[in-house]
Protein backbone atom coordinates (compact mmCIF):
# COMPACT_ATOMS: atom_id res chain seq x y z
CA MET A 1 -0.03 -0.04 0.01
CA TYR A 2 1.14 3.61 -0.42
CA SER A 3 3.03 5.26 2.31
CA HIS A 4 0.58 8.08 2.77
CA THR A 5 -2.07 5.58 4.02
CA LYS A 6 -0.15 4.83 7.08
CA LYS A 7 -1.97 7.24 9.37
CA VAL A 8 -5.38 7.40 7.87
CA GLY A 9 -5.80 3.75 6.83
CA SER A 10 -7.83 2.60 4.12
CA PRO A 11 -9.64 5.85 3.22
CA GLY A 12 -6.30 7.23 2.32
CA ARG A 13 -6.88 5.96 -1.15
CA TYR A 14 -9.25 8.78 -1.85
CA GLY A 15 -6.55 11.39 -1.07
CA ALA A 16 -7.71 15.05 -1.08
CA ARG A 17 -10.83 14.13 -3.11
CA LEU A 18 -12.85 13.82 0.15
CA SER A 19 -12.95 15.85 3.20
CA ARG A 20 -11.45 14.87 6.51
CA LYS A 21 -14.90 14.17 8.08
CA ILE A 22 -16.06 12.00 5.40
CA ARG A 23 -12.88 10.02 5.48
CA GLU A 24 -13.41 9.39 9.19
CA ASN A 25 -16.86 8.36 8.59
CA VAL A 26 -15.71 5.86 5.83
CA LYS A 27 -12.97 4.47 8.22
CA THR A 28 -15.43 3.70 10.97
CA ILE A 29 -17.85 1.99 8.54
CA GLU A 30 -15.05 -0.09 6.94
CA ASP A 31 -13.72 -1.05 10.33
CA GLN A 32 -17.05 -2.14 11.56
CA LYS A 33 -17.69 -4.25 8.33
CA ARG A 34 -14.42 -6.03 8.56
CA LYS A 35 -14.78 -6.71 12.26
CA GLN A 36 -15.53 -10.35 13.45
CA SER A 37 -18.96 -10.69 14.63
CA SER A 38 -20.53 -13.47 16.70
CA CYS A 39 -23.53 -15.52 15.56
CA GLN A 40 -26.76 -14.99 17.08
CA SER A 41 -27.73 -18.69 17.24
CA CYS A 42 -24.37 -20.40 17.99
CA GLY A 43 -22.14 -17.58 19.41
CA LYS A 44 -19.08 -18.36 17.36
CA LYS A 45 -17.28 -15.43 15.72
CA THR A 46 -17.79 -16.98 12.01
CA VAL A 47 -20.42 -14.54 10.76
CA LYS A 48 -19.66 -13.10 7.15
CA ARG A 49 -21.49 -10.62 5.08
CA LYS A 50 -23.11 -12.36 2.14
CA ALA A 51 -24.73 -9.28 0.55
CA CYS A 52 -26.15 -5.95 1.82
CA GLY A 53 -28.06 -6.65 4.99
CA ILE A 54 -27.78 -10.49 4.73
CA TRP A 55 -25.25 -12.14 7.12
CA THR A 56 -24.40 -16.04 7.27
CA CYS A 57 -22.66 -17.96 9.82
CA LYS A 58 -20.13 -20.42 8.43
CA SER A 59 -20.26 -22.82 11.29
CA CYS A 60 -23.94 -23.45 11.76
CA GLY A 61 -25.29 -22.16 8.60
CA ALA A 62 -27.84 -19.80 10.00
CA GLU A 63 -28.68 -16.82 7.82
CA TYR A 64 -30.31 -13.74 9.18
CA THR A 65 -30.72 -10.09 8.24
CA GLY A 66 -29.24 -7.12 9.96
CA GLY A 67 -27.70 -3.87 9.10
CA ALA A 68 -25.73 -3.02 6.00
CA HIS A 69 -22.47 -2.86 7.64
CA THR A 70 -23.06 -4.61 10.96
CA PRO A 71 -25.07 -7.81 11.76
CA SER A 72 -27.27 -6.11 14.22
CA THR A 73 -28.58 -2.51 14.20
CA LYS A 74 -29.10 -0.27 17.06
CA THR A 75 -32.58 0.85 17.80
CA LYS A 76 -33.24 4.37 19.20
């Protein structure tokens, strides 16, 4: 990866085309998406994102819906 992405991480690929706030938001969303999540039925950390809002567990095969970037969404 390029040397200018050492501090900012993956959103450094956008460079100066995006503002600092937008790059910070992109970084938090991408970090949440890549984070290992635990399954709701078996509890193992083997949940992967199949499509936008669809999550599957590799171990038990359970498939459920959630948020676009996280398996569960927060309600207000």
